[in-house]
C-alpha cells in the first residue's frame, strides 16, 4: 500500500487556536469559573458533549469521560481513565491533565471553585453517578452551553481545512463504492471495506449506512440490518459520516444493481432537483430555513407524483462541525423520521454566514416502491454555497 499522508491535527495547524477559543468563552461568560463535562468520540454521532470539549481543548478521551475546569487564572483536565493519562500528558500538557477517579472529582471541583460559584457545560450527557457526586456544586441554571454554541457557528480557516480533508476522504470512499457492492456480497461486508478505506486515509472515526433492498426503505446502519446479500434489481443508498481530528464530513449517494426502473430514475431526479433548490437558497445573510423550505416544496411535489404509496422522510439537513449535528443551523431541519417527528422551527431561524458548514440531504421513501436520498457537504462562502464533495450526484448504475 502506498504511503498515506494523514491530515495534520488542528493543534499543529493552529497551535494557539484552542487557547483563543477558551479566552473568547471566558469573555462571553464574564470570566466565570467553568466546569465542562465531555465524553470521548467513541459514541460518534451519538454525543454532543465531545464536540464542546474538543472545541475548547482539542482533547479526545475516546470511550471515557473527562472534566475540564476553566478559569481566567488557569485550567485543569481531569481524566476518568488512567490509560488516557500518558496520551494527555504528551498531547495536551497545557491543560494540566491528570487521572483522577470520578469519585474524587467533587474534591477537585471544590478546590477549583473556592468560595466562587461556577457555570457548567455538559450536564445533559453527564452520567447520573457522576452528577450525584457533583450536584451540590453545580447549578443547572448556570448552563452556558449557548455561549459555546455561538462561538462554534463560523469555522476558522484551520478548522475548515480539516472539514475539506474529510470531504476528500468521503470522495475516496465513494470512488470505491462500485467495486465493493456486487450480487452475492452482503452489505455488512461492503461496509467494512468502505469504512476501512476511510480509516486508512486519515479518518479517526467512520460510520456508514448502506441500504441494499428491492425497495430501499430507510437508513440501515448496523450489522444486524445489513447482513442480507445484494441481488440484481436492488436499490442502493449509501451514506458516510466520518471525523478528521474531530471535524465531521458527510455525504449520501445512490445507485442500482442492474437495469434502472423508471420510478427510481424519477425519484432520483426529483430529489436531485430538491438538493439543487436547497443549494441555491444558501445565501449569506438569509435564514437557513429558506433552504429547508425550498427542498420541502420539491419533495412534497415529488410525493404527489406517487399517490398510491405512503411517503416518509428523515431530517433533510444539518450543520457539521465538531458535532455531527452541530448546534445552530441544525435546528432549522427538524427530524421527521419515526413516530414522534420534531415540530418545525418557529420563525426564520439562524442567519447564514461565510464559514459555516452544513449538509443538505433531501430524501423521500415510498413504502413498497423505494427511496431516494442525496447528500452534499457545503461551505458557505461570501458568494453562496460551495460544494465540498467532488463525487457527482448522478445515479450509480452497477
Protein backbone atom coordinates (compact mmCIF):
# COMPACT_ATOMS: atom_id res chain seq x y z
CA UNK A 1 0.00 0.00 0.00
CA UNK A 2 1.40 3.48 -0.83
CA UNK A 3 2.31 5.82 2.00
CA UNK A 4 -0.65 7.97 3.00
CA UNK A 5 -0.13 11.50 4.32
CA UNK A 6 -2.55 11.80 7.22
CA UNK A 7 -4.26 15.13 7.88
CA UNK A 8 -2.34 17.39 10.24
CA UNK A 9 -4.13 17.81 13.61
CA UNK A 10 -5.61 21.19 14.41
CA UNK A 11 -3.22 21.68 17.33
CA UNK A 12 -0.33 21.57 14.87
CA UNK A 13 -2.08 23.63 12.18
CA UNK A 14 -3.02 26.40 14.62
CA UNK A 15 -1.24 25.90 17.98
CA UNK A 16 -2.93 28.86 19.72
CA UNK A 17 -6.45 28.32 18.41
CA UNK A 18 -7.89 26.41 21.37
CA UNK A 19 -6.47 28.97 23.81
CA UNK A 20 -8.15 31.75 21.81
CA UNK A 21 -11.44 29.86 21.90
CA UNK A 22 -11.18 29.45 25.67
CA UNK A 23 -10.45 33.15 26.06
CA UNK A 24 -13.49 34.00 23.92
CA UNK A 25 -15.72 31.76 26.04
CA UNK A 26 -14.42 33.30 29.27
CA UNK A 27 -15.12 36.75 27.85
CA UNK A 28 -18.62 35.72 26.75
CA UNK A 29 -19.43 34.35 30.23
CA UNK A 30 -17.99 37.26 32.19
CA UNK A 31 -14.95 35.38 33.43
CA UNK A 32 -16.98 32.82 35.37
CA UNK A 33 -15.30 29.64 36.52
CA UNK A 34 -16.42 26.88 34.17
CA UNK A 35 -16.96 23.17 34.80
CA UNK A 36 -17.19 21.40 31.44
CA UNK A 37 -18.05 17.71 31.12
CA UNK A 38 -17.36 15.75 27.96
CA UNK A 39 -17.41 12.20 26.69
CA UNK A 40 -14.89 10.98 24.13
CA UNK A 41 -15.52 10.31 20.45
CA UNK A 42 -16.34 6.62 20.77
CA UNK A 43 -20.07 7.33 20.53
CA UNK A 44 -19.50 9.13 17.23
CA UNK A 45 -22.65 10.92 16.17
CA UNK A 46 -24.27 9.98 19.48
CA UNK A 47 -22.51 12.58 21.61
CA UNK A 48 -22.76 16.36 21.83
CA UNK A 49 -20.53 16.88 24.84
CA UNK A 50 -17.49 15.57 22.98
CA UNK A 51 -17.77 18.36 20.42
CA UNK A 52 -17.99 21.03 23.11
CA UNK A 53 -14.94 19.77 24.99
CA UNK A 54 -12.92 19.23 21.86
CA UNK A 55 -13.73 22.72 20.61
CA UNK A 56 -12.11 24.19 23.71
CA UNK A 57 -9.23 21.75 24.19
CA UNK A 58 -8.58 19.55 21.15
CA UNK A 59 -8.74 16.60 23.56
CA UNK A 60 -10.46 13.27 22.83
CA UNK A 61 -10.92 10.82 25.71
CA UNK A 62 -12.38 8.20 23.33
CA UNK A 63 -14.62 5.83 25.31
CA UNK A 64 -14.06 7.54 28.67
CA UNK A 65 -15.17 10.77 30.34
CA UNK A 66 -13.28 13.96 31.14
CA UNK A 67 -13.98 17.04 33.22
CA UNK A 68 -12.37 20.33 32.22
CA UNK A 69 -12.06 23.09 34.80
CA UNK A 70 -11.51 26.50 33.19
CA UNK A 71 -10.98 29.89 34.83
CA UNK A 72 -9.21 33.14 33.95
CA UNK A 73 -6.29 32.08 36.15
CA UNK A 74 -5.78 28.60 34.68
CA UNK A 75 -7.27 25.25 33.76
CA UNK A 76 -7.18 21.59 34.72
CA UNK A 77 -8.25 18.46 32.82
CA UNK A 78 -9.50 15.53 34.91
CA UNK A 79 -9.39 12.11 33.23
CA UNK A 80 -11.66 9.28 34.35
CA UNK A 81 -9.42 6.63 32.78
CA UNK A 82 -5.81 6.10 33.91
CA UNK A 83 -4.99 4.79 30.45
CA UNK A 84 -5.67 8.23 28.95
CA UNK A 85 -3.14 9.99 31.17
CA UNK A 86 0.03 9.17 29.15
CA UNK A 87 -1.54 10.40 25.90
CA UNK A 88 -2.90 13.54 27.56
CA UNK A 89 0.48 14.37 29.10
CA UNK A 90 2.03 14.18 25.65
CA UNK A 91 -0.73 15.77 23.54
CA UNK A 92 -2.28 18.45 25.80
CA UNK A 93 0.24 19.33 28.52
CA UNK A 94 -1.04 22.92 28.56
CA UNK A 95 -4.33 21.64 30.01
CA UNK A 96 -2.62 20.27 33.14
CA UNK A 97 -4.12 16.80 32.66
CA UNK A 98 -4.23 14.20 35.38
CA UNK A 99 -6.04 10.96 36.05
CA UNK A 100 -8.48 11.29 38.92
CA UNK A 101 -11.18 8.69 39.69
CA UNK A 102 -14.64 10.19 39.29
CA UNK A 103 -15.33 9.66 42.99
CA UNK A 104 -12.68 12.31 43.71
CA UNK A 105 -13.89 14.84 41.16
CA UNK A 106 -16.01 16.65 43.74
CA UNK A 107 -12.90 17.37 45.83
CA UNK A 108 -11.12 18.79 42.79
CA UNK A 109 -14.11 20.94 41.84
CA UNK A 110 -14.45 22.23 45.40
CA UNK A 111 -10.79 23.26 45.44
CA UNK A 112 -11.13 24.82 41.98
CA UNK A 113 -14.15 26.92 42.97
CA UNK A 114 -13.04 28.05 46.39
CA UNK A 115 -15.70 30.47 47.52
CA UNK A 116 -16.90 31.22 44.00
CA UNK A 117 -19.82 29.75 42.04
CA UNK A 118 -19.46 28.26 38.59
CA UNK A 119 -21.07 27.97 35.20
CA UNK A 120 -21.49 24.49 33.71
CA UNK A 121 -21.49 22.76 30.33
CA UNK A 122 -22.35 19.15 29.53
CA UNK A 123 -24.95 18.27 32.16
CA UNK A 124 -27.18 16.75 29.50
CA UNK A 125 -24.71 13.88 28.97
CA UNK A 126 -23.18 13.57 32.43
CA UNK A 127 -23.78 10.06 33.85
CA UNK A 128 -26.04 10.03 36.88
CA UNK A 129 -23.36 8.59 39.16
CA UNK A 130 -21.00 11.48 38.37
CA UNK A 131 -23.75 14.07 38.62
CA UNK A 132 -24.80 12.85 42.06
CA UNK A 133 -21.28 13.39 43.36
CA UNK A 134 -21.16 16.92 41.92
CA UNK A 135 -24.80 18.01 42.27
CA UNK A 136 -24.21 20.15 45.36
CA UNK A 137 -21.58 22.13 43.43
CA UNK A 138 -23.36 22.53 40.09
CA UNK A 139 -26.41 24.67 39.42
CA UNK A 140 -28.21 23.59 36.20
CA UNK A 141 -29.48 27.16 35.87
CA UNK A 142 -25.93 28.29 35.13
CA UNK A 143 -25.60 26.22 31.95
CA UNK A 144 -23.64 28.31 29.41
CA UNK A 145 -23.80 25.86 26.52
CA UNK A 146 -25.41 28.52 24.26
CA UNK A 147 -22.27 30.65 24.64
CA UNK A 148 -20.11 27.82 23.26
CA UNK A 149 -22.63 27.11 20.52
CA UNK A 150 -22.47 30.74 19.37
CA UNK A 151 -18.68 30.56 19.07
CA UNK A 152 -18.86 27.36 17.01
CA UNK A 153 -21.03 28.58 14.15
CA UNK A 154 -18.30 30.00 11.89
CA UNK A 155 -15.26 27.81 11.35
CA UNK A 156 -11.74 29.23 11.48
CA UNK A 157 -9.58 28.62 8.34
CA UNK A 158 -7.56 25.85 10.02
CA UNK A 159 -10.75 24.06 11.09
CA UNK A 160 -12.28 24.50 7.64
CA UNK A 161 -9.23 22.81 6.14
CA UNK A 162 -9.94 19.72 8.25
CA UNK A 163 -13.53 19.66 7.00
CA UNK A 164 -12.14 19.75 3.47
CA UNK A 165 -9.77 16.90 4.33
CA UNK A 166 -12.80 14.93 5.50
CA UNK A 167 -14.68 15.68 2.29
CA UNK A 168 -11.73 14.39 0.27
CA UNK A 169 -11.79 11.14 2.24
CA UNK A 170 -15.53 10.83 1.58
CA UNK A 171 -14.78 11.14 -2.15
CA UNK A 172 -12.22 8.31 -1.89
CA UNK A 173 -14.85 6.09 -0.30
CA UNK A 174 -17.50 6.96 -2.89
CA UNK A 175 -14.97 6.16 -5.64
CA UNK A 176 -14.69 2.62 -4.25
CA UNK A 177 -18.44 2.05 -3.95
CA UNK A 178 -18.92 0.46 -7.38
CA UNK A 179 -16.18 -2.11 -6.75
CA UNK A 180 -17.40 -3.09 -3.30
CA UNK A 181 -21.09 -3.77 -3.98
CA UNK A 182 -21.93 -6.82 -6.04
CA UNK A 183 -24.58 -9.56 -6.17
CA UNK A 184 -23.83 -12.19 -3.55
CA UNK A 185 -21.89 -9.84 -1.26
CA UNK A 186 -23.54 -8.73 1.95
CA UNK A 187 -23.97 -5.08 2.75
CA UNK A 188 -22.17 -5.73 6.02
CA UNK A 189 -19.05 -6.92 4.21
CA UNK A 190 -19.17 -3.94 1.84
CA UNK A 191 -19.50 -1.55 4.77
CA UNK A 192 -16.42 -2.97 6.47
CA UNK A 193 -14.29 -2.45 3.40
CA UNK A 194 -15.62 1.04 2.66
CA UNK A 195 -15.26 2.24 6.23
CA UNK A 196 -11.75 0.76 6.28
CA UNK A 197 -10.79 2.90 3.29
CA UNK A 198 -11.82 6.00 5.23
CA UNK A 199 -9.74 4.97 8.23
CA UNK A 200 -6.72 4.19 6.06
CA UNK A 201 -6.80 7.70 4.61
CA UNK A 202 -6.93 9.56 7.90
CA UNK A 203 -10.45 9.40 9.33
CA UNK A 204 -10.27 8.74 13.06
CA UNK A 205 -13.89 7.56 13.10
CA UNK A 206 -16.22 6.39 10.33
CA UNK A 207 -19.81 5.19 10.33
CA UNK A 208 -21.77 4.34 7.20
CA UNK A 209 -25.31 3.36 6.40
CA UNK A 210 -25.96 1.08 3.48
CA UNK A 211 -29.45 0.14 2.37
CA UNK A 212 -29.49 -2.52 -0.37
CA UNK A 213 -33.06 -3.66 -0.96
CA UNK A 214 -35.51 -4.23 -3.83
CA UNK A 215 -37.31 -1.24 -2.32
CA UNK A 216 -34.98 0.93 -0.23
CA UNK A 217 -36.92 1.68 2.94
CA UNK A 218 -34.79 3.62 5.46
CA UNK A 219 -31.17 4.09 6.55
CA UNK A 220 -29.67 0.79 7.70
CA UNK A 221 -26.53 1.07 9.84
CA UNK A 222 -25.83 -1.97 11.93
CA UNK A 223 -24.54 -5.49 11.16
CA UNK A 224 -27.94 -6.90 12.09
CA UNK A 225 -29.53 -4.69 9.43
CA UNK A 226 -27.01 -5.16 6.64
CA UNK A 227 -26.35 -8.91 6.60
CA UNK A 228 -28.51 -9.52 3.50
CA UNK A 229 -26.62 -10.26 0.27
CA UNK A 230 -27.04 -7.84 -2.61
CA UNK A 231 -29.06 -9.02 -5.61
CA UNK A 232 -29.62 -7.78 -9.13
CA UNK A 233 -32.58 -5.40 -9.05
CA UNK A 234 -31.68 -3.88 -5.68
CA UNK A 235 -31.70 -0.19 -4.95
CA UNK A 236 -28.62 1.20 -3.18
CA UNK A 237 -28.48 4.09 -0.73
CA UNK A 238 -25.09 4.79 0.81
CA UNK A 239 -24.31 7.40 3.42
CA UNK A 240 -20.96 8.03 5.03
CA UNK A 241 -20.11 10.14 8.07
CA UNK A 242 -16.56 10.45 9.34
CA UNK A 243 -14.32 12.56 11.54
CA UNK A 244 -10.90 14.02 10.82
CA UNK A 245 -9.36 15.32 14.04
CA UNK A 246 -12.88 15.68 15.40
CA UNK A 247 -14.24 17.55 12.37
CA UNK A 248 -17.17 15.85 10.66
CA UNK A 249 -17.59 15.18 6.95
CA UNK A 250 -20.67 13.62 5.39
CA UNK A 251 -22.28 12.65 2.10
CA UNK A 252 -25.01 10.46 0.55
CA UNK A 253 -25.18 8.84 -2.86
CA UNK A 254 -27.49 6.31 -4.52
CA UNK A 255 -27.36 3.63 -7.16
CA UNK A 256 -28.95 0.47 -8.57
CA UNK A 257 -27.86 -3.08 -9.37
CA UNK A 258 -28.98 -3.90 -12.89
CA UNK A 259 -31.36 -2.02 -15.22
CA UNK A 260 -32.79 1.05 -13.50
CA UNK A 261 -36.60 1.19 -13.23
CA UNK A 262 -38.33 4.34 -14.44
CA UNK A 263 -39.74 5.04 -10.96
CA UNK A 264 -36.28 5.08 -9.39
CA UNK A 265 -34.99 7.44 -12.08
CA UNK A 266 -37.89 9.76 -11.31
CA UNK A 267 -37.20 9.62 -7.58
CA UNK A 268 -33.52 10.31 -8.13
CA UNK A 269 -34.22 13.22 -10.46
CA UNK A 270 -36.77 14.73 -8.09
CA UNK A 271 -34.50 14.51 -5.04
CA UNK A 272 -31.62 15.95 -7.06
CA UNK A 273 -33.83 18.90 -8.01
CA UNK A 274 -34.69 19.38 -4.34
CA UNK A 275 -31.00 19.37 -3.46
CA UNK A 276 -30.22 21.97 -6.12
CA UNK A 277 -33.08 24.16 -4.88
CA UNK A 278 -31.69 23.96 -1.36
CA UNK A 279 -28.19 24.84 -2.54
CA UNK A 280 -29.49 27.88 -4.42
CA UNK A 281 -31.19 29.13 -1.24
CA UNK A 282 -28.00 29.03 0.86
CA UNK A 283 -27.19 32.73 0.59
CA UNK A 284 -25.21 34.61 3.26
CA UNK A 285 -27.46 36.96 5.18
CA UNK A 286 -30.54 34.82 4.55
CA UNK A 287 -32.22 32.47 7.05
CA UNK A 288 -31.19 28.84 6.70
CA UNK A 289 -34.90 27.90 6.82
CA UNK A 290 -35.22 29.15 3.25
CA UNK A 291 -33.10 26.20 2.08
CA UNK A 292 -35.18 23.78 4.13
CA UNK A 293 -38.43 25.19 2.74
CA UNK A 294 -37.15 25.07 -0.84
CA UNK A 295 -36.28 21.39 -0.52
CA UNK A 296 -39.53 20.54 1.23
CA UNK A 297 -41.57 22.10 -1.58
CA UNK A 298 -39.84 19.89 -4.16
CA UNK A 299 -40.14 16.74 -2.02
CA UNK A 300 -43.83 17.34 -1.37
CA UNK A 301 -44.43 17.79 -5.10
CA UNK A 302 -42.46 14.64 -5.86
CA UNK A 303 -44.54 12.61 -3.40
CA UNK A 304 -47.71 13.75 -5.16
CA UNK A 305 -46.47 12.01 -8.32
CA UNK A 306 -46.85 8.69 -6.46
CA UNK A 307 -50.27 8.98 -4.78
CA UNK A 308 -50.62 5.20 -4.23
CA UNK A 309 -47.67 4.97 -1.83
CA UNK A 310 -47.21 6.13 1.74
CA UNK A 311 -44.39 8.66 1.92
CA UNK A 312 -41.93 9.35 4.72
CA UNK A 313 -38.66 11.22 5.15
CA UNK A 314 -35.87 11.87 7.65
CA UNK A 315 -34.09 15.12 8.56
CA UNK A 316 -33.26 16.99 5.33
CA UNK A 317 -30.08 18.64 6.56
CA UNK A 318 -27.96 19.71 9.50
CA UNK A 319 -24.87 21.69 10.37
CA UNK A 320 -21.47 19.99 10.57
CA UNK A 321 -18.64 20.81 12.91
CA UNK A 322 -17.12 19.09 15.91
CA UNK A 323 -20.54 17.52 16.39
CA UNK A 324 -22.28 15.53 13.66
CA UNK A 325 -25.43 17.61 14.08
CA UNK A 326 -23.71 20.86 15.03
CA UNK A 327 -25.86 23.19 17.15
CA UNK A 328 -27.28 26.27 15.50
CA UNK A 329 -28.21 25.62 11.88
CA UNK A 330 -29.38 22.07 12.66
CA UNK A 331 -32.46 23.31 14.49
CA UNK A 332 -33.85 24.55 11.16
CA UNK A 333 -34.08 20.94 9.93
CA UNK A 334 -36.43 19.03 12.26
CA UNK A 335 -36.16 15.25 12.44
CA UNK A 336 -39.18 13.82 10.59
CA UNK A 337 -38.36 10.12 10.88
CA UNK A 338 -40.19 7.88 13.34
CA UNK A 339 -43.36 8.03 15.35
CA UNK A 340 -42.61 11.35 17.04
CA UNK A 341 -41.35 13.89 14.49
CA UNK A 342 -39.95 17.16 15.75
CA UNK A 343 -42.04 20.30 15.24
CA UNK A 344 -40.90 22.85 12.65
CA UNK A 345 -38.70 25.67 13.85
CA UNK A 346 -40.82 28.77 14.56
CA UNK A 347 -39.59 31.91 12.88
CA UNK A 348 -36.93 32.40 10.22
CA UNK A 349 -34.14 30.54 12.02
CA UNK A 350 -30.38 31.23 12.12
CA UNK A 351 -28.83 33.52 9.53
CA UNK A 352 -26.22 32.10 7.18
CA UNK A 353 -22.69 33.49 7.36
CA UNK A 354 -19.50 32.70 5.45
CA UNK A 355 -17.51 30.00 7.20
CA UNK A 356 -20.47 27.84 8.17
CA UNK A 357 -20.51 24.16 7.15
CA UNK A 358 -23.60 22.05 6.65
CA UNK A 359 -25.02 19.03 4.93
CA UNK A 360 -28.17 19.06 2.82
CA UNK A 361 -29.68 15.64 2.19
CA UNK A 362 -33.25 15.78 0.86
CA UNK A 363 -34.88 12.37 0.76
CA UNK A 364 -38.12 10.56 0.09
CA UNK A 365 -39.19 7.00 0.83
CA UNK A 366 -42.33 5.44 -0.65
CA UNK A 367 -43.41 2.29 1.14
CA UNK A 368 -43.21 -0.71 -1.19
CA UNK A 369 -41.70 1.27 -4.08
CA UNK A 370 -38.35 2.51 -2.84
CA UNK A 371 -36.42 5.50 -1.67
CA UNK A 372 -34.05 8.21 -2.78
CA UNK A 373 -31.56 10.34 -0.84
CA UNK A 374 -28.69 12.56 -1.91
CA UNK A 375 -26.39 14.40 0.47
CA UNK A 376 -24.00 17.23 -0.27
CA UNK A 377 -21.45 18.75 2.11
CA UNK A 378 -21.37 22.54 1.78
CA UNK A 379 -19.28 25.50 2.86
CA UNK A 380 -21.00 28.87 2.99
CA UNK A 381 -18.84 31.49 1.27
CA UNK A 382 -19.37 35.17 0.55
CA UNK A 383 -20.68 34.11 -2.88
CA UNK A 384 -23.04 31.41 -1.60
CA UNK A 385 -22.93 27.64 -1.26
CA UNK A 386 -19.68 25.91 -2.26
CA UNK A 387 -19.98 22.16 -2.66
CA UNK A 388 -17.19 20.34 -0.83
CA UNK A 389 -17.59 16.87 -2.38
CA UNK A 390 -16.29 16.16 -5.88
CA UNK A 391 -18.32 12.96 -6.36
CA UNK A 392 -21.21 13.61 -8.78
CA UNK A 393 -24.76 13.12 -7.53
CA UNK A 394 -25.64 11.06 -10.60
CA UNK A 395 -27.30 7.68 -10.14
CA UNK A 396 -24.67 4.93 -9.93
CA UNK A 397 -25.63 2.08 -12.26
CA UNK A 398 -23.93 -1.24 -11.43
